[in-house]
Amino acid sequence: MRRIRNDENVWAKGWAEGHVDPKDWAQAVRTHEAAHVTLSEAYGIPVHGAYVDPHLRGDFSRYSNDPADVRHQAVVHLIGGPAGSEELRQLGYDDDGLLYNMNAIGGHTDRGEVWKLLEEGLPVDGAAAQAKAHETLQSPGFMDATHSVAEAFKDQGDRLTRQDIVAAMGSYRENNGLLTPQERATILPPSARREREEAERQARDDRYFSQTTTPEPGLERDL
């Protein structure tokens, strides 16, 4: 399969028909969404619910978590695409174009969420977040925990409540192996996180007012 180009319609449903067994597709889609859930929980960001449409011509899947450090939220957004691609690889698919498209198309909406954060001027490094997502997939225990959540999707009709998620994560929620040591070090206690978020909000406000209250060149004489 050839790689999709940036200018092509990435919303086309059924693009993988004839290339992926429907059961494998369902597993990859569940793994994609389960990776969002698992990483959010690993960061200490509660997920309240999640939904998956596992069909080849299915609609979007979704999860809902608490507001949190945007640096972590960006990685949570970006881990879904590569997780789905990695699941297909583990299932025996080795077509480079197929695996690329599973990430590119499956993660399109997720990348859009990160673009929204960037457009708001929030302190997000998209490239760094993407690299961390790929690194996290290699963390000991992460895919095991993700598969536990994916299996829960399958068992619960592809819709998980907060209670379902906690049960599926089980002891994995306390497992440091879900994250790399570098990522564990970025998790701040709530009080420190609030202080940093307040400082960043104040810095954004200061930048905004410095830009909007400084007269443009040549306007001083009209004031």
C-alpha atoms as a PDB file:
ATOM      1  CA  MET A   1       0.000   0.000   0.000  1.00  0.00           C
ATOM      2  CA  ARG A   2       1.345   3.442  -0.858  1.00  0.00           C
ATOM      3  CA  ARG A   3       1.635   6.107   1.806  1.00  0.00           C
ATOM      4  CA  ILE A   4      -1.138   8.687   1.879  1.00  0.00           C
ATOM      5  CA  ARG A   5      -0.076  12.193   0.836  1.00  0.00           C
ATOM      6  CA  ASN A   6      -0.646  15.232   3.024  1.00  0.00           C
ATOM      7  CA  ASP A   7      -3.084  16.714   0.493  1.00  0.00           C
ATOM      8  CA  GLU A   8      -5.306  13.631   0.310  1.00  0.00           C
ATOM      9  CA  ASN A   9      -8.597  13.098   2.134  1.00  0.00           C
ATOM     10  CA  VAL A  10      -7.609  11.459   5.410  1.00  0.00           C
ATOM     11  CA  TRP A  11     -11.230  11.167   6.491  1.00  0.00           C
ATOM     12  CA  ALA A  12     -12.066   8.450   3.963  1.00  0.00           C
ATOM     13  CA  LYS A  13     -13.726   5.542   5.748  1.00  0.00           C
ATOM     14  CA  GLY A  14     -12.868   2.011   4.786  1.00  0.00           C
ATOM     15  CA  TRP A  15      -9.415   2.906   3.433  1.00  0.00           C
ATOM     16  CA  ALA A  16      -7.996  -0.329   4.887  1.00  0.00           C
ATOM     17  CA  GLU A  17     -10.651  -2.646   3.429  1.00  0.00           C
ATOM     18  CA  GLY A  18      -9.003  -5.545   1.619  1.00  0.00           C
ATOM     19  CA  HIS A  19      -5.739  -4.916   3.450  1.00  0.00           C
ATOM     20  CA  VAL A  20      -6.623  -5.647   7.091  1.00  0.00           C
ATOM     21  CA  ASP A  21      -8.770  -8.433   8.508  1.00  0.00           C
ATOM     22  CA  PRO A  22     -11.805  -6.836  10.242  1.00  0.00           C
ATOM     23  CA  LYS A  23     -10.950  -8.590  13.524  1.00  0.00           C
ATOM     24  CA  ASP A  24      -7.394  -7.259  13.417  1.00  0.00           C
ATOM     25  CA  TRP A  25      -8.680  -3.785  12.544  1.00  0.00           C
ATOM     26  CA  ALA A  26     -10.989  -3.871  15.554  1.00  0.00           C
ATOM     27  CA  GLN A  27      -8.083  -4.877  17.773  1.00  0.00           C
ATOM     28  CA  ALA A  28      -5.885  -2.071  16.412  1.00  0.00           C
ATOM     29  CA  VAL A  29      -8.625   0.552  16.908  1.00  0.00           C
ATOM     30  CA  ARG A  30      -9.249  -0.639  20.456  1.00  0.00           C
ATOM     31  CA  THR A  31      -5.500  -0.507  21.130  1.00  0.00           C
ATOM     32  CA  HIS A  32      -5.327   3.027  19.724  1.00  0.00           C
ATOM     33  CA  GLU A  33      -7.997   4.294  22.131  1.00  0.00           C
ATOM     34  CA  ALA A  34      -6.737   2.148  25.006  1.00  0.00           C
ATOM     35  CA  ALA A  35      -3.295   3.766  24.655  1.00  0.00           C
ATOM     36  CA  HIS A  36      -4.864   7.202  25.216  1.00  0.00           C
ATOM     37  CA  VAL A  37      -6.603   5.888  28.319  1.00  0.00           C
ATOM     38  CA  THR A  38      -3.569   4.055  29.676  1.00  0.00           C
ATOM     39  CA  LEU A  39      -1.161   6.959  29.273  1.00  0.00           C
ATOM     40  CA  SER A  40      -3.626   9.440  30.751  1.00  0.00           C
ATOM     41  CA  GLU A  41      -4.003   7.214  33.811  1.00  0.00           C
ATOM     42  CA  ALA A  42      -0.224   6.724  34.017  1.00  0.00           C
ATOM     43  CA  TYR A  43       0.179  10.509  34.150  1.00  0.00           C
ATOM     44  CA  GLY A  44      -2.401  10.668  36.944  1.00  0.00           C
ATOM     45  CA  ILE A  45      -5.063  12.247  34.697  1.00  0.00           C
ATOM     46  CA  PRO A  46      -8.380  10.430  35.377  1.00  0.00           C
ATOM     47  CA  VAL A  47     -10.320   9.223  32.328  1.00  0.00           C
ATOM     48  CA  HIS A  48     -14.066   9.349  32.898  1.00  0.00           C
ATOM     49  CA  GLY A  49     -15.180   7.376  29.886  1.00  0.00           C
ATOM     50  CA  ALA A  50     -14.181   6.134  26.444  1.00  0.00           C
ATOM     51  CA  TYR A  51     -15.895   4.814  23.344  1.00  0.00           C
ATOM     52  CA  VAL A  52     -14.656   2.847  20.334  1.00  0.00           C
ATOM     53  CA  ASP A  53     -16.232   2.109  16.946  1.00  0.00           C
ATOM     54  CA  PRO A  54     -14.220  -0.943  15.868  1.00  0.00           C
ATOM     55  CA  HIS A  55     -15.625  -1.354  12.352  1.00  0.00           C
ATOM     56  CA  LEU A  56     -13.634  -0.793   9.170  1.00  0.00           C
ATOM     57  CA  ARG A  57     -16.093   1.923   8.155  1.00  0.00           C
ATOM     58  CA  GLY A  58     -16.641   3.066  11.710  1.00  0.00           C
ATOM     59  CA  ASP A  59     -16.959   6.559  13.087  1.00  0.00           C
ATOM     60  CA  PHE A  60     -14.611   8.337  15.462  1.00  0.00           C
ATOM     61  CA  SER A  61     -13.610   6.914  18.830  1.00  0.00           C
ATOM     62  CA  ARG A  62     -13.413   9.165  21.871  1.00  0.00           C
ATOM     63  CA  TYR A  63     -12.170   9.441  25.440  1.00  0.00           C
ATOM     64  CA  SER A  64     -12.794  12.072  28.104  1.00  0.00           C
ATOM     65  CA  ASN A  65     -10.235  12.991  30.743  1.00  0.00           C
ATOM     66  CA  ASP A  66      -9.627  15.766  33.245  1.00  0.00           C
ATOM     67  CA  PRO A  67      -7.855  19.026  32.397  1.00  0.00           C
ATOM     68  CA  ALA A  68      -4.138  18.676  33.115  1.00  0.00           C
ATOM     69  CA  ASP A  69      -0.639  19.815  32.194  1.00  0.00           C
ATOM     70  CA  VAL A  70      -0.806  20.464  28.456  1.00  0.00           C
ATOM     71  CA  ARG A  71       2.622  18.900  27.973  1.00  0.00           C
ATOM     72  CA  HIS A  72       1.231  15.594  29.187  1.00  0.00           C
ATOM     73  CA  GLN A  73      -2.063  16.032  27.358  1.00  0.00           C
ATOM     74  CA  ALA A  74      -0.155  16.478  24.098  1.00  0.00           C
ATOM     75  CA  VAL A  75       1.603  13.137  24.559  1.00  0.00           C
ATOM     76  CA  VAL A  76      -1.708  11.488  25.488  1.00  0.00           C
ATOM     77  CA  HIS A  77      -3.203  12.827  22.236  1.00  0.00           C
ATOM     78  CA  LEU A  78      -0.283  11.687  20.101  1.00  0.00           C
ATOM     79  CA  ILE A  79       0.159   8.142  21.385  1.00  0.00           C
ATOM     80  CA  GLY A  80      -2.984   6.720  19.749  1.00  0.00           C
ATOM     81  CA  GLY A  81      -1.845   6.670  16.122  1.00  0.00           C
ATOM     82  CA  PRO A  82       1.486   4.918  16.668  1.00  0.00           C
ATOM     83  CA  ALA A  83      -0.132   2.507  19.153  1.00  0.00           C
ATOM     84  CA  GLY A  84      -2.649   1.362  16.551  1.00  0.00           C
ATOM     85  CA  SER A  85       0.114   0.989  13.986  1.00  0.00           C
ATOM     86  CA  GLU A  86       2.259  -0.964  16.442  1.00  0.00           C
ATOM     87  CA  GLU A  87      -0.655  -3.294  17.162  1.00  0.00           C
ATOM     88  CA  LEU A  88      -0.982  -4.167  13.478  1.00  0.00           C
ATOM     89  CA  ARG A  89       2.756  -4.776  13.328  1.00  0.00           C
ATOM     90  CA  GLN A  90       2.529  -7.146  16.295  1.00  0.00           C
ATOM     91  CA  LEU A  91      -0.353  -8.926  14.573  1.00  0.00           C
ATOM     92  CA  GLY A  92       1.965  -9.717  11.662  1.00  0.00           C
ATOM     93  CA  TYR A  93       1.353  -6.858   9.204  1.00  0.00           C
ATOM     94  CA  ASP A  94       4.611  -5.662   7.679  1.00  0.00           C
ATOM     95  CA  ASP A  95       3.447  -3.436   4.823  1.00  0.00           C
ATOM     96  CA  ASP A  96       5.251  -0.139   5.451  1.00  0.00           C
ATOM     97  CA  GLY A  97       2.561   1.898   3.691  1.00  0.00           C
ATOM     98  CA  LEU A  98      -0.222   0.273   5.692  1.00  0.00           C
ATOM     99  CA  LEU A  99       1.539   0.845   9.022  1.00  0.00           C
ATOM    100  CA  TYR A 100       2.345   4.443   8.071  1.00  0.00           C
ATOM    101  CA  ASN A 101      -1.263   5.122   7.088  1.00  0.00           C
ATOM    102  CA  MET A 102      -2.613   3.539  10.253  1.00  0.00           C
ATOM    103  CA  ASN A 103      -0.644   6.129  12.193  1.00  0.00           C
ATOM    104  CA  ALA A 104      -1.198   9.045   9.804  1.00  0.00           C
ATOM    105  CA  ILE A 105      -4.933   8.568   9.275  1.00  0.00           C
ATOM    106  CA  GLY A 106      -5.773   7.099  12.661  1.00  0.00           C
ATOM    107  CA  GLY A 107      -3.943   9.890  14.468  1.00  0.00           C
ATOM    108  CA  HIS A 108      -5.135  12.775  12.287  1.00  0.00           C
ATOM    109  CA  THR A 109      -7.763  14.061  14.724  1.00  0.00           C
ATOM    110  CA  ASP A 110      -5.388  13.600  17.653  1.00  0.00           C
ATOM    111  CA  ARG A 111      -2.756  15.754  15.971  1.00  0.00           C
ATOM    112  CA  GLY A 112      -5.463  18.343  15.368  1.00  0.00           C
ATOM    113  CA  GLU A 113      -6.002  18.565  19.125  1.00  0.00           C
ATOM    114  CA  VAL A 114      -2.322  19.325  19.609  1.00  0.00           C
ATOM    115  CA  TRP A 115      -2.481  21.995  16.909  1.00  0.00           C
ATOM    116  CA  LYS A 116      -5.295  23.647  18.902  1.00  0.00           C
ATOM    117  CA  LEU A 117      -3.016  23.814  21.936  1.00  0.00           C
ATOM    118  CA  LEU A 118      -0.257  25.364  19.834  1.00  0.00           C
ATOM    119  CA  GLU A 119      -2.647  27.912  18.321  1.00  0.00           C
ATOM    120  CA  GLU A 120      -3.669  28.955  21.838  1.00  0.00           C
ATOM    121  CA  GLY A 121      -0.031  29.743  22.566  1.00  0.00           C
ATOM    122  CA  LEU A 122       0.294  27.027  25.192  1.00  0.00           C
ATOM    123  CA  PRO A 123       3.764  25.666  26.041  1.00  0.00           C
ATOM    124  CA  VAL A 124       3.668  22.552  23.870  1.00  0.00           C
ATOM    125  CA  ASP A 125       6.511  21.135  21.783  1.00  0.00           C
ATOM    126  CA  GLY A 126       4.760  18.954  19.199  1.00  0.00           C
ATOM    127  CA  ALA A 127       7.894  17.183  18.016  1.00  0.00           C
ATOM    128  CA  ALA A 128       9.020  16.421  21.572  1.00  0.00           C
ATOM    129  CA  ALA A 129       5.542  15.145  22.489  1.00  0.00           C
ATOM    130  CA  GLN A 130       5.526  12.871  19.457  1.00  0.00           C
ATOM    131  CA  ALA A 131       8.955  11.500  20.364  1.00  0.00           C
ATOM    132  CA  LYS A 132       7.794  10.836  23.939  1.00  0.00           C
ATOM    133  CA  ALA A 133       4.738   8.982  22.636  1.00  0.00           C
ATOM    134  CA  HIS A 134       6.943   6.640  20.607  1.00  0.00           C
ATOM    135  CA  GLU A 135       9.311   6.164  23.547  1.00  0.00           C
ATOM    136  CA  THR A 136       6.435   5.332  25.880  1.00  0.00           C
ATOM    137  CA  LEU A 137       5.290   2.523  23.592  1.00  0.00           C
ATOM    138  CA  GLN A 138       8.637   0.870  24.338  1.00  0.00           C
ATOM    139  CA  SER A 139       8.281   1.221  28.115  1.00  0.00           C
ATOM    140  CA  PRO A 140       8.085  -2.105  29.979  1.00  0.00           C
ATOM    141  CA  GLY A 141       4.494  -2.889  30.807  1.00  0.00           C
ATOM    142  CA  PHE A 142       2.857  -0.129  28.782  1.00  0.00           C
ATOM    143  CA  MET A 143       1.513  -2.311  25.975  1.00  0.00           C
ATOM    144  CA  ASP A 144       0.471  -4.939  28.528  1.00  0.00           C
ATOM    145  CA  ALA A 145      -1.646  -2.359  30.338  1.00  0.00           C
ATOM    146  CA  THR A 146      -2.967  -1.034  27.032  1.00  0.00           C
ATOM    147  CA  HIS A 147      -3.979  -4.523  25.961  1.00  0.00           C
ATOM    148  CA  SER A 148      -5.830  -4.956  29.256  1.00  0.00           C
ATOM    149  CA  VAL A 149      -7.872  -1.837  28.523  1.00  0.00           C
ATOM    150  CA  ALA A 150      -8.377  -2.901  24.878  1.00  0.00           C
ATOM    151  CA  GLU A 151      -9.727  -6.257  26.078  1.00  0.00           C
ATOM    152  CA  ALA A 152     -12.105  -4.404  28.387  1.00  0.00           C
ATOM    153  CA  PHE A 153     -13.415  -2.456  25.386  1.00  0.00           C
ATOM    154  CA  LYS A 154     -14.148  -5.748  23.648  1.00  0.00           C
ATOM    155  CA  ASP A 155     -15.810  -7.259  26.724  1.00  0.00           C
ATOM    156  CA  GLN A 156     -17.889  -4.178  27.558  1.00  0.00           C
ATOM    157  CA  GLY A 157     -19.355  -3.496  24.128  1.00  0.00           C
ATOM    158  CA  ASP A 158     -16.664  -0.953  23.233  1.00  0.00           C
ATOM    159  CA  ARG A 159     -17.814   1.601  25.798  1.00  0.00           C
ATOM    160  CA  LEU A 160     -16.006   2.059  29.118  1.00  0.00           C
ATOM    161  CA  THR A 161     -17.077   3.957  32.217  1.00  0.00           C
ATOM    162  CA  ARG A 162     -14.683   5.289  34.852  1.00  0.00           C
ATOM    163  CA  GLN A 163     -15.332   2.153  36.897  1.00  0.00           C
ATOM    164  CA  ASP A 164     -14.534  -0.080  33.910  1.00  0.00           C
ATOM    165  CA  ILE A 165     -11.275   1.776  33.283  1.00  0.00           C
ATOM    166  CA  VAL A 166     -10.111   1.492  36.889  1.00  0.00           C
ATOM    167  CA  ALA A 167     -10.909  -2.231  36.860  1.00  0.00           C
ATOM    168  CA  ALA A 168      -9.109  -2.784  33.533  1.00  0.00           C
ATOM    169  CA  MET A 169      -6.019  -0.896  34.665  1.00  0.00           C
ATOM    170  CA  GLY A 170      -5.936  -2.776  37.977  1.00  0.00           C
ATOM    171  CA  SER A 171      -2.424  -2.963  39.393  1.00  0.00           C
ATOM    172  CA  TYR A 172      -1.043  -1.355  36.233  1.00  0.00           C
ATOM    173  CA  ARG A 173      -2.145   2.049  37.594  1.00  0.00           C
ATOM    174  CA  GLU A 174       0.606   1.766  40.221  1.00  0.00           C
ATOM    175  CA  ASN A 175       3.167   0.260  37.853  1.00  0.00           C
ATOM    176  CA  ASN A 176       6.140   2.584  37.278  1.00  0.00           C
ATOM    177  CA  GLY A 177       7.000   0.531  34.210  1.00  0.00           C
ATOM    178  CA  LEU A 178       4.236   2.283  32.289  1.00  0.00           C
ATOM    179  CA  LEU A 179       6.481   5.310  31.787  1.00  0.00           C
ATOM    180  CA  THR A 180      10.145   5.836  31.046  1.00  0.00           C
ATOM    181  CA  PRO A 181      12.188   7.182  34.000  1.00  0.00           C
ATOM    182  CA  GLN A 182      12.476  10.517  32.164  1.00  0.00           C
ATOM    183  CA  GLU A 183       8.698  10.805  31.855  1.00  0.00           C
ATOM    184  CA  ARG A 184       8.077   9.818  35.484  1.00  0.00           C
ATOM    185  CA  ALA A 185      10.312  12.704  36.487  1.00  0.00           C
ATOM    186  CA  THR A 186       8.030  15.186  34.681  1.00  0.00           C
ATOM    187  CA  ILE A 187       4.997  14.353  36.838  1.00  0.00           C
ATOM    188  CA  LEU A 188       4.611  17.104  39.428  1.00  0.00           C
ATOM    189  CA  PRO A 189       2.517  16.946  42.610  1.00  0.00           C
ATOM    190  CA  PRO A 190      -0.803  18.848  42.240  1.00  0.00           C
ATOM    191  CA  SER A 191       0.360  21.918  44.206  1.00  0.00           C
ATOM    192  CA  ALA A 192       3.520  22.325  42.108  1.00  0.00           C
ATOM    193  CA  ARG A 193       1.556  21.739  38.908  1.00  0.00           C
ATOM    194  CA  ARG A 194      -0.949  24.460  39.836  1.00  0.00           C
ATOM    195  CA  GLU A 195       1.879  26.887  40.614  1.00  0.00           C
ATOM    196  CA  ARG A 196       3.525  26.233  37.248  1.00  0.00           C
ATOM    197  CA  GLU A 197       0.224  26.555  35.372  1.00  0.00           C
ATOM    198  CA  GLU A 198      -0.509  29.859  37.134  1.00  0.00           C
ATOM    199  CA  ALA A 199       2.968  31.172  36.279  1.00  0.00           C
ATOM    200  CA  GLU A 200       2.515  30.170  32.641  1.00  0.00           C
ATOM    201  CA  ARG A 201      -0.937  31.776  32.518  1.00  0.00           C
ATOM    202  CA  GLN A 202       0.498  34.996  33.955  1.00  0.00           C
ATOM    203  CA  ALA A 203       3.337  34.924  31.411  1.00  0.00           C
ATOM    204  CA  ARG A 204       0.831  34.544  28.544  1.00  0.00           C
ATOM    205  CA  ASP A 205      -1.209  37.439  29.913  1.00  0.00           C
ATOM    206  CA  ASP A 206       1.899  39.593  30.201  1.00  0.00           C
ATOM    207  CA  ARG A 207       2.843  38.823  26.586  1.00  0.00           C
ATOM    208  CA  TYR A 208      -0.682  39.587  25.390  1.00  0.00           C
ATOM    209  CA  PHE A 209      -0.964  42.941  27.152  1.00  0.00           C
ATOM    210  CA  SER A 210       2.543  43.980  26.149  1.00  0.00           C
ATOM    211  CA  GLN A 211       1.539  43.369  22.525  1.00  0.00           C
ATOM    212  CA  THR A 212      -1.882  45.028  22.677  1.00  0.00           C
ATOM    213  CA  THR A 213      -1.073  48.125  24.763  1.00  0.00           C
ATOM    214  CA  THR A 214       2.078  49.215  22.935  1.00  0.00           C
ATOM    215  CA  PRO A 215       1.167  51.784  20.233  1.00  0.00           C
ATOM    216  CA  GLU A 216       2.113  50.865  16.696  1.00  0.00           C
ATOM    217  CA  PRO A 217       4.903  52.966  15.131  1.00  0.00           C
ATOM    218  CA  GLY A 218       3.503  56.276  13.926  1.00  0.00           C
ATOM    219  CA  LEU A 219       0.329  56.187  16.043  1.00  0.00           C
ATOM    220  CA  GLU A 220       1.703  58.142  19.009  1.00  0.00           C
ATOM    221  CA  ARG A 221       0.954  61.461  17.344  1.00  0.00           C
ATOM    222  CA  ASP A 222      -2.703  60.495  16.930  1.00  0.00           C
ATOM    223  CA  LEU A 223      -3.229  59.742  20.629  1.00  0.00           C
END
